[in-house]
Amino acid sequence: MPRSCSLRLIPRCFGAALAWLAPLAALADDCPAPGQWQVAGGETLTTAGLMPELADTDVVLLGEQHDRLAHHRWQLHTLAALHAHRPEMVIGLEMLPREAQPALDAWVAGELDEAAFLEQSNWRSAWGFDPNLYLPILHFARMQRIPLLALNVTPELRGRLASEGWETVPEQQRFGITPPAPAQPAYRASLAAIYAEHTDRDEDPADLERFIAAQLVWDRAMATALVEAAAAGILVAGLMGEGHLADGDGVPYQLDDLGLDDHRSLLPWVPGPDCQPPEARADALYVLGDESDFQPPDPPRLGVLIGEHADGILVQGIVPGSVAETTGLAEGDIIVTAAGRPMVVPADLTAVIGRQPPGTLLPLEIRRDGNLQEVLARFPAPTS
C-alpha cells in the first residue's frame, strides 16, 4: 500500500470493490459447508481433495483482508496442508520490503525473539497492521524452518519508479524488477475507483496515473520475487491482500507476463443466506463459518490520507464523515505532534491512533499556512 494510504487511518484502500467475472451457480439448497472449497464451475471439494493439486503448483497465492483474524487462521491452516504435501516450500509476505529479508532469515533460524524481530524488520512502520494477526504464521514457519521471503519494496522506491520513471533508478537499486505489464481496463477501472474513494480532491489525471503506476510497481515487485523463488523448483506460497490477486489481475497478471503461468489464487468466503458468490473471483474459494464473535474490534480511525513531509506528516486528503473532518483538519495541514509525540513518518501517527481509546480526545499540533495551532480530535464512544 502506498505510503499515502495509511493503514489504520482510513478504510482498506485495496480490494474493496472487485467484480466477479465468472459467477458460480448460486445453489442456496446445496451451499458448500464451512471447511469446504468451491472451485470454478461450482464443484465442491474437501481440503484433502484439493491440496494434492495445489501442492503440485509452482505458485499459490492466498488472499486476505489484512485486519480479518479468520483470514489469517485460514491461511495458516492452508499453509500447513500444503506443507504436508510438499515440505520444500517458501512463504512470501507482502507485508515486508526486501530490506527486511535479513530479519526474516534470522527469525526462521531462531536467532530473534518476537520483539527483536518486529524491531529489526521495522514491522510497524513497514506494514502497520497488528503483528498478532500474523505471528501464528510466522511461528509456524519458524517451527518448520520454512524460509520466509519479503516480497515488497519500500513506498519510497515505489514512489520513485511511479513518479520518476524506471530509467532513473538503476537496476540494482530496484532489485532487478522490470517494468510491469500495463493494467488491463477492468483493473485500471477498479484502481481508479479506489483512488476516487480515498481522496476528496477533484480528480487529477496525473495523480491518478501515479497511483496506478505505484500499484503496478507493487504487483510487479511481488510477482518478480515469486518467480525468482519458484525457479528453485520449490512450492512458493504468497500471502497478500485480496486486491492484488482477485479476478486474475494484479500479481497473477504480472506472473503471466513474466512467463510463469502455473499459479493458483485462493480466497476465503463467507456465504450469505442465498449462497451468492463473492464479488472477487479466484481459482478456489474456502468457505468460512461465522467468525464474527472472534474478530477483534476495528481499530480507531482518524480518516486522513497522509504522506511524508520534512516538518511532520502531510494531510493529503480527508475522508468524508470522518473524525478528521469533524475535527476541522484540512488538506495541506502538517501534523507536527500527536499526544505530545513528534510525528516523523506516517507510522508514528498510525501507532498513536491505534492506542487511542474510544470516546477520548487526541490533541494534535498542526502547522497550517505556516502557523502552529492545536486541534482536538474526538474519537466516538462505543455504540454498545
Protein backbone atom coordinates (compact mmCIF):
# COMPACT_ATOMS: atom_id res chain seq x y z
CA MET A 1 0.00 0.00 0.00
CA PRO A 2 1.41 3.37 -0.85
CA ARG A 3 2.80 5.47 1.96
CA SER A 4 -0.09 7.89 1.42
CA CYS A 5 -2.62 5.16 2.23
CA SER A 6 -2.07 4.94 5.97
CA LEU A 7 -3.12 1.56 7.22
CA ARG A 8 -5.03 2.37 10.38
CA LEU A 9 -6.24 5.79 9.41
CA ILE A 10 -8.60 5.13 6.54
CA PRO A 11 -10.63 2.11 5.45
CA ARG A 12 -8.85 -0.56 3.46
CA CYS A 13 -7.64 1.01 0.24
CA PHE A 14 -7.37 -2.06 -1.92
CA GLY A 15 -9.72 -4.89 -2.69
CA ALA A 16 -12.99 -3.32 -1.55
CA ALA A 17 -14.86 -3.25 -4.88
CA LEU A 18 -13.89 -6.19 -7.09
CA ALA A 19 -16.04 -7.56 -9.90
CA TRP A 20 -16.87 -11.26 -10.12
CA LEU A 21 -16.07 -12.15 -13.71
CA ALA A 22 -17.14 -15.82 -13.80
CA PRO A 23 -20.06 -16.32 -11.39
CA LEU A 24 -20.55 -19.68 -9.78
CA ALA A 25 -24.06 -21.08 -9.62
CA ALA A 26 -26.00 -19.82 -6.62
CA LEU A 27 -27.24 -23.03 -5.02
CA ALA A 28 -28.90 -21.98 -1.80
CA ASP A 29 -30.07 -25.52 -1.06
CA ASP A 30 -26.68 -27.01 -1.77
CA CYS A 31 -24.30 -24.37 -0.47
CA PRO A 32 -20.82 -25.59 0.46
CA ALA A 33 -20.35 -26.11 4.18
CA PRO A 34 -17.66 -24.37 6.22
CA GLY A 35 -14.37 -26.16 5.68
CA GLN A 36 -15.10 -26.97 2.04
CA TRP A 37 -13.71 -25.44 -1.13
CA GLN A 38 -15.62 -24.30 -4.18
CA VAL A 39 -13.75 -24.18 -7.46
CA ALA A 40 -14.62 -22.71 -10.84
CA GLY A 41 -17.70 -24.39 -12.25
CA GLY A 42 -19.28 -24.80 -8.83
CA GLU A 43 -17.60 -28.08 -7.86
CA THR A 44 -17.17 -28.58 -4.11
CA LEU A 45 -14.01 -30.22 -2.77
CA THR A 46 -12.56 -31.06 0.61
CA THR A 47 -9.14 -29.84 1.66
CA ALA A 48 -7.86 -33.40 1.26
CA GLY A 49 -9.22 -33.50 -2.27
CA LEU A 50 -7.80 -30.13 -3.37
CA MET A 51 -4.39 -29.96 -1.70
CA PRO A 52 -2.54 -32.54 -3.83
CA GLU A 53 -3.29 -30.49 -6.95
CA LEU A 54 -2.42 -27.18 -5.30
CA ALA A 55 0.80 -28.57 -3.84
CA ASP A 56 1.91 -29.53 -7.35
CA THR A 57 1.64 -25.89 -8.47
CA ASP A 58 4.60 -23.51 -8.79
CA VAL A 59 2.96 -20.55 -7.02
CA VAL A 60 -0.11 -20.45 -4.77
CA LEU A 61 -1.48 -17.04 -3.76
CA LEU A 62 -3.52 -16.75 -0.56
CA GLY A 63 -5.54 -13.54 -0.47
CA GLU A 64 -6.62 -11.74 2.67
CA GLN A 65 -8.31 -8.74 4.12
CA HIS A 66 -5.47 -7.61 6.31
CA ASP A 67 -7.41 -6.99 9.52
CA ARG A 68 -9.56 -10.15 9.43
CA LEU A 69 -8.42 -12.69 12.01
CA ALA A 70 -10.31 -15.53 10.32
CA HIS A 71 -8.45 -14.92 7.07
CA HIS A 72 -5.10 -15.40 8.76
CA ARG A 73 -6.27 -18.55 10.52
CA TRP A 74 -7.38 -19.90 7.15
CA GLN A 75 -4.00 -19.01 5.64
CA LEU A 76 -2.20 -20.84 8.43
CA HIS A 77 -4.30 -23.99 8.00
CA THR A 78 -3.84 -23.92 4.23
CA LEU A 79 -0.09 -23.44 4.54
CA ALA A 80 0.10 -26.40 6.92
CA ALA A 81 -1.88 -28.56 4.47
CA LEU A 82 0.36 -27.55 1.56
CA HIS A 83 3.47 -28.20 3.63
CA ALA A 84 2.24 -31.71 4.46
CA HIS A 85 2.13 -32.49 0.73
CA ARG A 86 5.23 -30.58 -0.31
CA PRO A 87 7.64 -29.79 2.54
CA GLU A 88 10.07 -27.97 0.27
CA MET A 89 8.34 -24.62 0.17
CA VAL A 90 8.76 -20.89 0.74
CA ILE A 91 6.24 -18.44 2.21
CA GLY A 92 6.28 -14.99 0.63
CA LEU A 93 4.98 -11.96 2.50
CA GLU A 94 3.54 -8.78 1.01
CA MET A 95 3.92 -7.25 4.46
CA LEU A 96 7.65 -6.54 4.31
CA PRO A 97 10.04 -4.98 1.77
CA ARG A 98 13.25 -6.57 0.52
CA GLU A 99 15.28 -4.71 3.16
CA ALA A 100 13.62 -6.84 5.87
CA GLN A 101 14.96 -10.13 4.47
CA PRO A 102 17.84 -10.43 6.99
CA ALA A 103 15.35 -10.14 9.86
CA LEU A 104 13.13 -12.83 8.30
CA ASP A 105 16.12 -15.14 7.87
CA ALA A 106 17.20 -14.57 11.47
CA TRP A 107 13.65 -15.19 12.72
CA VAL A 108 13.33 -18.53 10.90
CA ALA A 109 16.77 -19.54 12.18
CA GLY A 110 15.62 -18.95 15.77
CA GLU A 111 18.02 -16.09 16.38
CA LEU A 112 15.41 -13.44 17.28
CA ASP A 113 12.56 -13.26 19.74
CA GLU A 114 9.31 -11.57 18.74
CA ALA A 115 10.25 -8.13 19.99
CA ALA A 116 13.63 -8.19 18.24
CA PHE A 117 12.09 -9.44 15.01
CA LEU A 118 9.44 -6.73 14.98
CA GLU A 119 12.10 -4.09 15.60
CA GLN A 120 14.66 -5.37 13.10
CA SER A 121 12.08 -5.97 10.38
CA ASN A 122 10.61 -2.49 11.04
CA TRP A 123 7.23 -4.20 11.01
CA ARG A 124 5.15 -1.40 12.46
CA SER A 125 6.47 1.21 10.06
CA ALA A 126 6.63 -1.06 7.02
CA TRP A 127 3.18 -2.60 7.49
CA GLY A 128 1.21 -1.22 10.41
CA PHE A 129 -1.34 -3.98 10.94
CA ASP A 130 -1.31 -5.76 14.28
CA PRO A 131 1.55 -8.30 14.21
CA ASN A 132 -0.50 -10.62 16.42
CA LEU A 133 -2.62 -11.37 13.37
CA TYR A 134 0.45 -12.74 11.59
CA LEU A 135 2.61 -14.17 14.38
CA PRO A 136 0.99 -17.65 14.32
CA ILE A 137 2.01 -17.94 10.66
CA LEU A 138 5.49 -16.65 11.43
CA HIS A 139 5.85 -19.15 14.28
CA PHE A 140 4.68 -21.97 12.00
CA ALA A 141 7.42 -21.07 9.52
CA ARG A 142 9.98 -20.93 12.32
CA MET A 143 8.93 -24.30 13.78
CA GLN A 144 9.10 -25.99 10.37
CA ARG A 145 12.16 -24.00 9.21
CA ILE A 146 10.22 -22.81 6.16
CA PRO A 147 12.00 -19.84 4.56
CA LEU A 148 10.10 -16.56 4.65
CA LEU A 149 10.50 -14.21 1.71
CA ALA A 150 9.98 -10.44 1.68
CA LEU A 151 8.00 -9.74 -1.50
CA ASN A 152 7.52 -6.00 -1.30
CA VAL A 153 9.56 -2.86 -1.86
CA THR A 154 9.51 0.32 0.17
CA PRO A 155 6.97 3.06 -0.53
CA GLU A 156 9.89 5.33 -1.36
CA LEU A 157 11.05 3.03 -4.17
CA ARG A 158 7.50 2.58 -5.43
CA GLY A 159 7.11 6.34 -5.47
CA ARG A 160 10.36 6.91 -7.37
CA LEU A 161 9.51 4.33 -10.01
CA ALA A 162 5.95 5.59 -10.39
CA SER A 163 6.83 9.29 -10.47
CA GLU A 164 10.33 9.50 -11.92
CA GLY A 165 10.34 6.53 -14.26
CA TRP A 166 12.18 3.23 -14.39
CA GLU A 167 15.12 4.60 -16.34
CA THR A 168 16.00 6.91 -13.42
CA VAL A 169 16.50 4.06 -10.94
CA PRO A 170 19.49 1.73 -11.50
CA GLU A 171 18.57 -1.95 -11.81
CA GLN A 172 20.46 -2.93 -8.65
CA GLN A 173 18.55 -0.33 -6.63
CA ARG A 174 15.23 -1.79 -7.79
CA PHE A 175 16.28 -5.39 -7.06
CA GLY A 176 16.20 -6.34 -10.73
CA ILE A 177 12.47 -5.65 -11.00
CA THR A 178 11.47 -4.96 -14.58
CA PRO A 179 8.73 -2.55 -15.73
CA PRO A 180 5.26 -4.04 -15.24
CA ALA A 181 2.82 -5.07 -17.90
CA PRO A 182 0.20 -2.34 -18.37
CA ALA A 183 -3.01 -2.74 -16.41
CA GLN A 184 -5.99 -4.29 -18.14
CA PRO A 185 -9.01 -1.94 -18.50
CA ALA A 186 -11.03 -3.60 -15.70
CA TYR A 187 -8.08 -3.39 -13.31
CA ARG A 188 -7.48 0.25 -14.19
CA ALA A 189 -11.14 0.96 -13.51
CA SER A 190 -11.01 -0.70 -10.10
CA LEU A 191 -7.86 1.21 -9.16
CA ALA A 192 -9.41 4.48 -10.31
CA ALA A 193 -12.45 3.77 -8.11
CA ILE A 194 -10.19 3.16 -5.09
CA TYR A 195 -8.32 6.39 -5.80
CA ALA A 196 -11.56 8.34 -6.04
CA GLU A 197 -12.93 6.80 -2.83
CA HIS A 198 -10.00 7.93 -0.74
CA THR A 199 -9.44 11.47 -1.89
CA ASP A 200 -11.78 14.42 -1.61
CA ARG A 201 -9.92 16.40 -4.21
CA ASP A 202 -11.01 16.89 -7.78
CA GLU A 203 -9.51 14.05 -9.74
CA ASP A 204 -6.09 15.00 -11.05
CA PRO A 205 -5.26 12.79 -14.05
CA ALA A 206 -1.54 12.98 -13.28
CA ASP A 207 -2.08 11.93 -9.65
CA LEU A 208 -4.34 9.10 -10.75
CA GLU A 209 -1.72 7.84 -13.19
CA ARG A 210 0.94 7.93 -10.47
CA PHE A 211 -1.37 5.98 -8.15
CA ILE A 212 -1.99 3.32 -10.79
CA ALA A 213 1.71 3.19 -11.65
CA ALA A 214 2.59 2.67 -7.98
CA GLN A 215 0.10 -0.21 -7.71
CA LEU A 216 1.63 -1.82 -10.79
CA VAL A 217 5.10 -1.49 -9.27
CA TRP A 218 3.74 -3.17 -6.16
CA ASP A 219 2.25 -6.07 -8.15
CA ARG A 220 5.36 -6.45 -10.31
CA ALA A 221 7.71 -6.45 -7.31
CA MET A 222 5.79 -9.28 -5.66
CA ALA A 223 5.49 -11.24 -8.88
CA THR A 224 9.22 -10.90 -9.53
CA ALA A 225 10.12 -12.24 -6.08
CA LEU A 226 7.71 -15.15 -6.50
CA VAL A 227 9.16 -16.08 -9.89
CA GLU A 228 12.72 -15.93 -8.56
CA ALA A 229 11.83 -18.22 -5.65
CA ALA A 230 9.92 -20.68 -7.84
CA ALA A 231 12.97 -21.04 -10.10
CA ALA A 232 14.48 -23.26 -7.40
CA GLY A 233 11.79 -25.86 -8.09
CA ILE A 234 10.00 -25.48 -4.76
CA LEU A 235 6.44 -24.53 -3.91
CA VAL A 236 6.03 -20.81 -3.30
CA ALA A 237 3.02 -19.60 -1.30
CA GLY A 238 2.41 -15.85 -1.33
CA LEU A 239 0.33 -14.02 1.28
CA MET A 240 -1.15 -10.72 0.11
CA GLY A 241 -4.20 -8.51 0.07
CA GLU A 242 -7.08 -9.89 -1.98
CA GLY A 243 -6.99 -6.88 -4.31
CA HIS A 244 -3.58 -7.98 -5.58
CA LEU A 245 -4.86 -11.32 -6.89
CA ALA A 246 -8.64 -11.27 -7.38
CA ASP A 247 -10.10 -11.59 -10.86
CA GLY A 248 -6.73 -12.66 -12.27
CA ASP A 249 -5.45 -9.09 -12.13
CA GLY A 250 -2.53 -7.71 -10.16
CA VAL A 251 0.08 -10.30 -9.29
CA PRO A 252 -1.36 -13.19 -11.39
CA TYR A 253 -1.35 -10.94 -14.45
CA GLN A 254 2.27 -9.95 -13.83
CA LEU A 255 3.24 -13.60 -13.23
CA ASP A 256 1.83 -14.45 -16.66
CA ASP A 257 3.82 -11.60 -18.19
CA LEU A 258 6.97 -12.92 -16.54
CA GLY A 259 6.39 -16.35 -18.08
CA LEU A 260 5.11 -18.21 -15.01
CA ASP A 261 1.61 -19.45 -15.72
CA ASP A 262 1.42 -22.33 -13.21
CA HIS A 263 -0.19 -20.40 -10.38
CA ARG A 264 -3.43 -20.56 -8.40
CA SER A 265 -5.26 -17.85 -6.44
CA LEU A 266 -7.22 -18.71 -3.30
CA LEU A 267 -9.65 -16.61 -1.29
CA PRO A 268 -11.78 -17.15 1.83
CA TRP A 269 -15.54 -16.73 1.54
CA VAL A 270 -18.43 -16.41 3.99
CA PRO A 271 -21.59 -17.31 2.04
CA GLY A 272 -24.72 -15.29 2.66
CA PRO A 273 -28.20 -16.75 3.20
CA ASP A 274 -28.72 -17.21 -0.55
CA CYS A 275 -25.20 -18.55 -1.11
CA GLN A 276 -24.44 -15.90 -3.71
CA PRO A 277 -20.78 -15.98 -4.79
CA PRO A 278 -18.44 -13.24 -3.61
CA GLU A 279 -17.55 -10.28 -5.78
CA ALA A 280 -13.91 -11.31 -6.12
CA ARG A 281 -13.06 -14.20 -8.43
CA ALA A 282 -10.36 -16.76 -7.61
CA ASP A 283 -9.38 -20.28 -8.65
CA ALA A 284 -10.75 -21.68 -5.39
CA LEU A 285 -12.82 -20.29 -2.54
CA TYR A 286 -12.58 -21.63 1.01
CA VAL A 287 -15.85 -21.49 2.90
CA LEU A 288 -15.61 -19.89 6.32
CA GLY A 289 -18.22 -20.07 9.03
CA ASP A 290 -19.40 -17.07 11.01
CA GLU A 291 -16.23 -15.92 12.75
CA SER A 292 -17.58 -12.52 13.78
CA ASP A 293 -17.51 -13.32 17.51
CA PHE A 294 -13.75 -13.81 17.29
CA GLN A 295 -12.92 -10.76 15.18
CA PRO A 296 -11.10 -8.06 17.17
CA PRO A 297 -12.89 -4.71 17.17
CA ASP A 298 -11.99 -2.34 14.39
CA PRO A 299 -9.13 -0.04 15.34
CA PRO A 300 -9.89 3.65 15.72
CA ARG A 301 -9.53 5.67 12.53
CA LEU A 302 -8.77 9.34 12.12
CA GLY A 303 -9.81 9.35 8.47
CA VAL A 304 -6.95 11.08 6.67
CA LEU A 305 -4.90 10.34 3.61
CA ILE A 306 -1.34 11.15 4.65
CA GLY A 307 2.17 11.36 3.29
CA GLU A 308 5.64 12.29 4.39
CA HIS A 309 6.80 15.88 4.91
CA ALA A 310 10.02 17.39 6.19
CA ASP A 311 8.20 19.04 9.11
CA GLY A 312 5.93 16.15 10.10
CA ILE A 313 3.10 14.30 8.36
CA LEU A 314 1.28 15.88 5.44
CA VAL A 315 -2.50 15.61 5.25
CA GLN A 316 -3.26 14.84 1.61
CA GLY A 317 -6.99 14.17 1.89
CA ILE A 318 -9.89 13.89 4.32
CA VAL A 319 -12.37 11.01 4.38
CA PRO A 320 -15.92 12.42 4.36
CA GLY A 321 -17.76 11.96 7.66
CA SER A 322 -14.58 11.01 9.49
CA VAL A 323 -13.13 12.12 12.81
CA ALA A 324 -10.67 14.24 10.84
CA GLU A 325 -13.46 16.12 9.06
CA THR A 326 -15.30 16.75 12.33
CA THR A 327 -12.05 17.95 13.91
CA GLY A 328 -11.55 20.51 11.16
CA LEU A 329 -8.39 19.06 9.67
CA ALA A 330 -7.82 20.14 6.08
CA GLU A 331 -5.81 19.05 3.10
CA GLY A 332 -2.38 20.65 3.29
CA ASP A 333 -2.17 20.60 7.10
CA ILE A 334 1.05 19.24 8.55
CA ILE A 335 0.64 17.18 11.72
CA VAL A 336 3.65 18.03 13.87
CA THR A 337 2.80 16.21 17.12
CA ALA A 338 0.08 13.82 18.31
CA ALA A 339 -0.49 13.34 22.05
CA GLY A 340 2.68 15.35 22.52
CA ARG A 341 4.80 12.94 20.46
CA PRO A 342 6.73 14.26 17.44
CA MET A 343 5.44 12.89 14.15
CA VAL A 344 8.23 11.97 11.75
CA VAL A 345 6.80 9.26 9.47
CA PRO A 346 3.18 8.17 8.85
CA ALA A 347 3.70 5.06 11.00
CA ASP A 348 4.19 7.34 14.03
CA LEU A 349 0.64 8.62 13.68
CA THR A 350 -0.62 5.11 12.96
CA ALA A 351 0.80 3.92 16.28
CA VAL A 352 -0.74 6.77 18.27
CA ILE A 353 -4.16 6.30 16.66
CA GLY A 354 -4.03 2.57 17.32
CA ARG A 355 -3.67 3.22 21.06
CA GLN A 356 -6.46 5.81 21.23
CA PRO A 357 -9.35 4.65 23.48
CA PRO A 358 -12.88 5.22 22.16
CA GLY A 359 -14.64 8.31 23.45
CA THR A 360 -11.45 10.24 24.17
CA LEU A 361 -9.75 13.34 22.80
CA LEU A 362 -6.45 13.28 20.96
CA PRO A 363 -4.52 16.57 20.88
CA LEU A 364 -2.86 17.28 17.55
CA GLU A 365 -0.43 20.09 16.87
CA ILE A 366 -0.66 21.11 13.25
CA ARG A 367 1.02 23.64 11.00
CA ARG A 368 -1.38 25.46 8.70
CA ASP A 369 -0.30 28.30 6.44
CA GLY A 370 2.95 28.48 8.38
CA ASN A 371 1.26 28.85 11.78
CA LEU A 372 1.17 26.31 14.58
CA GLN A 373 -2.12 25.53 16.25
CA GLU A 374 -3.66 22.76 18.35
CA VAL A 375 -6.82 20.86 17.48
CA LEU A 376 -8.59 18.13 19.43
CA ALA A 377 -9.75 15.00 17.62
CA ARG A 378 -12.65 13.30 19.42
CA PHE A 379 -12.97 9.59 18.81
CA PRO A 380 -16.54 8.29 19.12
CA ALA A 381 -17.58 6.26 22.13
CA PRO A 382 -18.56 2.61 21.62
CA THR A 383 -22.09 2.19 20.31
CA SER A 384 -22.90 -0.77 22.53
